């Protein structure tokens, strides 16, 4: 069964959005996927993720 995904509105400055847009393009991701990847990595590095991969 696929993981259930939570949707919520996110507000950020235009400048930050453009930063994520360029970053996502560099990694062949959507902006949404890039934001999720950055948040997941940060949670894992800080020991806050349920699914830690031993970083």
PDB file of N, CA and C in Angstrom:
ATOM      1  N   UNK A   1       0.848  -1.181   0.000  1.00  0.00           N
ATOM      2  CA  UNK A   1       0.000   0.000   0.000  1.00  0.00           C
ATOM      3  C   UNK A   1       0.895   1.248   0.000  1.00  0.00           C
ATOM      4  N   UNK A   2       0.641   2.198  -0.899  1.00  0.00           N
ATOM      5  CA  UNK A   2       1.462   3.401  -0.959  1.00  0.00           C
ATOM      6  C   UNK A   2       1.367   4.225   0.321  1.00  0.00           C
ATOM      7  N   UNK A   3       2.447   4.911   0.632  1.00  0.00           N
ATOM      8  CA  UNK A   3       2.483   5.786   1.801  1.00  0.00           C
ATOM      9  C   UNK A   3       1.483   6.919   1.622  1.00  0.00           C
ATOM     10  N   UNK A   4       0.702   7.192   2.664  1.00  0.00           N
ATOM     11  CA  UNK A   4      -0.263   8.293   2.609  1.00  0.00           C
ATOM     12  C   UNK A   4       0.496   9.612   2.688  1.00  0.00           C
ATOM     13  N   UNK A   5       0.120  10.559   1.857  1.00  0.00           N
ATOM     14  CA  UNK A   5       0.812  11.838   1.779  1.00  0.00           C
ATOM     15  C   UNK A   5      -0.084  12.933   2.328  1.00  0.00           C
ATOM     16  N   UNK A   6       0.467  13.786   3.146  1.00  0.00           N
ATOM     17  CA  UNK A   6      -0.254  14.911   3.727  1.00  0.00           C
ATOM     18  C   UNK A   6      -0.046  16.138   2.859  1.00  0.00           C
ATOM     19  N   UNK A   7      -1.128  16.805   2.506  1.00  0.00           N
ATOM     20  CA  UNK A   7      -1.052  18.050   1.742  1.00  0.00           C
ATOM     21  C   UNK A   7      -1.291  19.219   2.673  1.00  0.00           C
ATOM     22  N   UNK A   8      -0.537  20.301   2.471  1.00  0.00           N
ATOM     23  CA  UNK A   8      -0.754  21.516   3.240  1.00  0.00           C
ATOM     24  C   UNK A   8      -0.190  22.700   2.464  1.00  0.00           C
ATOM     25  N   UNK A   9      -0.747  23.890   2.679  1.00  0.00           N
ATOM     26  CA  UNK A   9      -0.233  25.067   1.978  1.00  0.00           C
ATOM     27  C   UNK A   9       1.107  25.501   2.583  1.00  0.00           C
ATOM     28  N   UNK A  10       1.992  25.982   1.765  1.00  0.00           N
ATOM     29  CA  UNK A  10       3.288  26.468   2.232  1.00  0.00           C
ATOM     30  C   UNK A  10       3.532  27.833   1.607  1.00  0.00           C
ATOM     31  N   UNK A  11       3.824  28.792   2.437  1.00  0.00           N
ATOM     32  CA  UNK A  11       4.113  30.132   1.947  1.00  0.00           C
ATOM     33  C   UNK A  11       5.596  30.410   2.153  1.00  0.00           C
ATOM     34  N   UNK A  12       6.227  30.970   1.130  1.00  0.00           N
ATOM     35  CA  UNK A  12       7.635  31.348   1.220  1.00  0.00           C
ATOM     36  C   UNK A  12       7.862  32.537   0.313  1.00  0.00           C
ATOM     37  N   UNK A  13       8.979  33.189   0.513  1.00  0.00           N
ATOM     38  CA  UNK A  13       9.296  34.347  -0.324  1.00  0.00           C
ATOM     39  C   UNK A  13       9.523  33.898  -1.762  1.00  0.00           C
ATOM     40  N   UNK A  14       9.327  34.807  -2.672  1.00  0.00           N
ATOM     41  CA  UNK A  14       9.565  34.527  -4.087  1.00  0.00           C
ATOM     42  C   UNK A  14      11.032  34.161  -4.302  1.00  0.00           C
ATOM     43  N   UNK A  15      11.921  34.843  -3.606  1.00  0.00           N
ATOM     44  CA  UNK A  15      13.356  34.565  -3.738  1.00  0.00           C
ATOM     45  C   UNK A  15      13.691  33.134  -3.308  1.00  0.00           C
ATOM     46  N   UNK A  16      13.140  32.685  -2.185  1.00  0.00           N
ATOM     47  CA  UNK A  16      13.389  31.317  -1.729  1.00  0.00           C
ATOM     48  C   UNK A  16      12.786  30.306  -2.696  1.00  0.00           C
ATOM     49  N   UNK A  17      11.591  30.597  -3.203  1.00  0.00           N
ATOM     50  CA  UNK A  17      10.967  29.693  -4.170  1.00  0.00           C
ATOM     51  C   UNK A  17      11.844  29.553  -5.412  1.00  0.00           C
ATOM     52  N   UNK A  18      12.379  30.664  -5.896  1.00  0.00           N
ATOM     53  CA  UNK A  18      13.234  30.616  -7.081  1.00  0.00           C
ATOM     54  C   UNK A  18      14.506  29.812  -6.808  1.00  0.00           C
ATOM     55  N   UNK A  19      15.015  29.905  -5.593  1.00  0.00           N
ATOM     56  CA  UNK A  19      16.174  29.099  -5.195  1.00  0.00           C
ATOM     57  C   UNK A  19      15.837  27.615  -5.292  1.00  0.00           C
ATOM     58  N   UNK A  20      14.699  27.235  -4.744  1.00  0.00           N
ATOM     59  CA  UNK A  20      14.280  25.827  -4.801  1.00  0.00           C
ATOM     60  C   UNK A  20      13.970  25.400  -6.234  1.00  0.00           C
ATOM     61  N   UNK A  21      13.454  26.300  -7.021  1.00  0.00           N
ATOM     62  CA  UNK A  21      13.151  25.988  -8.422  1.00  0.00           C
ATOM     63  C   UNK A  21      14.439  25.641  -9.185  1.00  0.00           C
ATOM     64  N   UNK A  22      15.486  26.451  -9.000  1.00  0.00           N
ATOM     65  CA  UNK A  22      16.770  26.165  -9.661  1.00  0.00           C
ATOM     66  C   UNK A  22      17.381  24.871  -9.131  1.00  0.00           C
ATOM     67  N   UNK A  23      17.343  24.692  -7.819  1.00  0.00           N
ATOM     68  CA  UNK A  23      17.902  23.508  -7.181  1.00  0.00           C
ATOM     69  C   UNK A  23      17.180  22.254  -7.674  1.00  0.00           C
ATOM     70  N   UNK A  24      15.874  22.306  -7.713  1.00  0.00           N
ATOM     71  CA  UNK A  24      15.075  21.167  -8.180  1.00  0.00           C
ATOM     72  C   UNK A  24      15.416  20.837  -9.630  1.00  0.00           C
ATOM     73  N   UNK A  25      15.558  21.852 -10.442  1.00  0.00           N
ATOM     74  CA  UNK A  25      15.906  21.638 -11.846  1.00  0.00           C
ATOM     75  C   UNK A  25      17.263  20.949 -11.976  1.00  0.00           C
ATOM     76  N   UNK A  26      18.220  21.356 -11.164  1.00  0.00           N
ATOM     77  CA  UNK A  26      19.553  20.745 -11.177  1.00  0.00           C
ATOM     78  C   UNK A  26      19.496  19.257 -10.847  1.00  0.00           C
ATOM     79  N   UNK A  27      18.523  18.868 -10.023  1.00  0.00           N
ATOM     80  CA  UNK A  27      18.415  17.475  -9.578  1.00  0.00           C
ATOM     81  C   UNK A  27      17.260  16.726 -10.251  1.00  0.00           C
ATOM     82  N   UNK A  28      16.694  17.332 -11.311  1.00  0.00           N
ATOM     83  CA  UNK A  28      15.615  16.710 -12.089  1.00  0.00           C
ATOM     84  C   UNK A  28      14.427  16.310 -11.210  1.00  0.00           C
ATOM     85  N   UNK A  29      14.035  17.222 -10.338  1.00  0.00           N
ATOM     86  CA  UNK A  29      12.878  17.020  -9.446  1.00  0.00           C
ATOM     87  C   UNK A  29      11.917  18.187  -9.606  1.00  0.00           C
ATOM     88  N   UNK A  30      10.704  17.982  -9.117  1.00  0.00           N
ATOM     89  CA  UNK A  30       9.770  19.097  -8.992  1.00  0.00           C
ATOM     90  C   UNK A  30      10.174  19.902  -7.757  1.00  0.00           C
ATOM     91  N   UNK A  31       9.677  21.123  -7.673  1.00  0.00           N
ATOM     92  CA  UNK A  31       9.960  21.935  -6.491  1.00  0.00           C
ATOM     93  C   UNK A  31       9.428  21.236  -5.247  1.00  0.00           C
ATOM     94  N   UNK A  32       8.233  20.674  -5.340  1.00  0.00           N
ATOM     95  CA  UNK A  32       7.647  19.968  -4.209  1.00  0.00           C
ATOM     96  C   UNK A  32       8.534  18.806  -3.759  1.00  0.00           C
ATOM     97  N   UNK A  33       9.007  18.011  -4.706  1.00  0.00           N
ATOM     98  CA  UNK A  33       9.868  16.871  -4.368  1.00  0.00           C
ATOM     99  C   UNK A  33      11.188  17.343  -3.773  1.00  0.00           C
ATOM    100  N   UNK A  34      11.700  18.474  -4.251  1.00  0.00           N
ATOM    101  CA  UNK A  34      12.962  19.000  -3.712  1.00  0.00           C
ATOM    102  C   UNK A  34      12.786  19.450  -2.271  1.00  0.00           C
ATOM    103  N   UNK A  35      11.706  20.154  -1.998  1.00  0.00           N
ATOM    104  CA  UNK A  35      11.442  20.601  -0.627  1.00  0.00           C
ATOM    105  C   UNK A  35      11.295  19.392   0.290  1.00  0.00           C
ATOM    106  N   UNK A  36      10.562  18.386  -0.158  1.00  0.00           N
ATOM    107  CA  UNK A  36      10.389  17.171   0.650  1.00  0.00           C
ATOM    108  C   UNK A  36      11.730  16.481   0.894  1.00  0.00           C
ATOM    109  N   UNK A  37      12.581  16.415  -0.120  1.00  0.00           N
ATOM    110  CA  UNK A  37      13.888  15.773   0.034  1.00  0.00           C
ATOM    111  C   UNK A  37      14.753  16.526   1.049  1.00  0.00           C
ATOM    112  N   UNK A  38      14.755  17.843   0.978  1.00  0.00           N
ATOM    113  CA  UNK A  38      15.548  18.651   1.909  1.00  0.00           C
ATOM    114  C   UNK A  38      15.033  18.487   3.340  1.00  0.00           C
ATOM    115  N   UNK A  39      13.718  18.516   3.503  1.00  0.00           N
ATOM    116  CA  UNK A  39      13.136  18.342   4.837  1.00  0.00           C
ATOM    117  C   UNK A  39      13.422  16.946   5.392  1.00  0.00           C
ATOM    118  N   UNK A  40      13.316  15.927   4.557  1.00  0.00           N
ATOM    119  CA  UNK A  40      13.591  14.552   4.991  1.00  0.00           C
ATOM    120  C   UNK A  40      15.042  14.385   5.411  1.00  0.00           C
ATOM    121  N   UNK A  41      15.954  14.958   4.621  1.00  0.00           N
ATOM    122  CA  UNK A  41      17.378  14.862   4.941  1.00  0.00           C
ATOM    123  C   UNK A  41      17.684  15.577   6.258  1.00  0.00           C
ATOM    124  N   UNK A  42      17.106  16.750   6.448  1.00  0.00           N
ATOM    125  CA  UNK A  42      17.334  17.499   7.685  1.00  0.00           C
ATOM    126  C   UNK A  42      16.800  16.723   8.894  1.00  0.00           C
ATOM    127  N   UNK A  43      15.610  16.160   8.779  1.00  0.00           N
ATOM    128  CA  UNK A  43      15.024  15.391   9.884  1.00  0.00           C
ATOM    129  C   UNK A  43      15.889  14.177  10.211  1.00  0.00           C
ATOM    130  N   UNK A  44      16.407  13.533   9.192  1.00  0.00           N
ATOM    131  CA  UNK A  44      17.262  12.362   9.397  1.00  0.00           C
ATOM    132  C   UNK A  44      18.579  12.751  10.070  1.00  0.00           C
ATOM    133  N   UNK A  45      19.204  13.810   9.567  1.00  0.00           N
ATOM    134  CA  UNK A  45      20.480  14.260  10.138  1.00  0.00           C
ATOM    135  C   UNK A  45      20.347  14.673  11.593  1.00  0.00           C
ATOM    136  N   UNK A  46      19.197  15.211  11.949  1.00  0.00           N
ATOM    137  CA  UNK A  46      18.974  15.672  13.316  1.00  0.00           C
ATOM    138  C   UNK A  46      18.389  14.589  14.221  1.00  0.00           C
ATOM    139  N   UNK A  47      18.235  13.388  13.681  1.00  0.00           N
ATOM    140  CA  UNK A  47      17.720  12.280  14.478  1.00  0.00           C
ATOM    141  C   UNK A  47      16.240  12.392  14.775  1.00  0.00           C
ATOM    142  N   UNK A  48      15.511  13.066  13.926  1.00  0.00           N
ATOM    143  CA  UNK A  48      14.064  13.277  14.147  1.00  0.00           C
ATOM    144  C   UNK A  48      13.199  12.384  13.278  1.00  0.00           C
ATOM    145  N   UNK A  49      13.800  11.647  12.370  1.00  0.00           N
ATOM    146  CA  UNK A  49      13.037  10.837  11.418  1.00  0.00           C
ATOM    147  C   UNK A  49      12.787   9.446  11.964  1.00  0.00           C
ATOM    148  N   UNK A  50      11.594   8.913  11.731  1.00  0.00           N
ATOM    149  CA  UNK A  50      11.279   7.529  12.103  1.00  0.00           C
ATOM    150  C   UNK A  50      12.100   6.557  11.282  1.00  0.00           C
ATOM    151  N   UNK A  51      12.343   6.921  10.007  1.00  0.00           N
ATOM    152  CA  UNK A  51      13.007   6.032   9.046  1.00  0.00           C
ATOM    153  C   UNK A  51      14.470   6.438   8.851  1.00  0.00           C
ATOM    154  N   UNK A  52      15.238   6.460   9.914  1.00  0.00           N
ATOM    155  CA  UNK A  52      16.636   6.834   9.793  1.00  0.00           C
ATOM    156  C   UNK A  52      17.417   5.757   9.054  1.00  0.00           C
ATOM    157  N   UNK A  53      18.310   6.207   8.185  1.00  0.00           N
ATOM    158  CA  UNK A  53      19.109   5.301   7.383  1.00  0.00           C
ATOM    159  C   UNK A  53      20.545   5.246   7.872  1.00  0.00           C
ATOM    160  N   UNK A  54      20.790   5.538   9.132  1.00  0.00           N
ATOM    161  CA  UNK A  54      22.122   5.422   9.697  1.00  0.00           C
ATOM    162  C   UNK A  54      23.107   6.445   9.186  1.00  0.00           C
ATOM    163  N   UNK A  55      22.685   7.699   8.992  1.00  0.00           N
ATOM    164  CA  UNK A  55      23.593   8.750   8.498  1.00  0.00           C
ATOM    165  C   UNK A  55      24.636   9.100   9.509  1.00  0.00           C
TER     166      UNK A  55
END
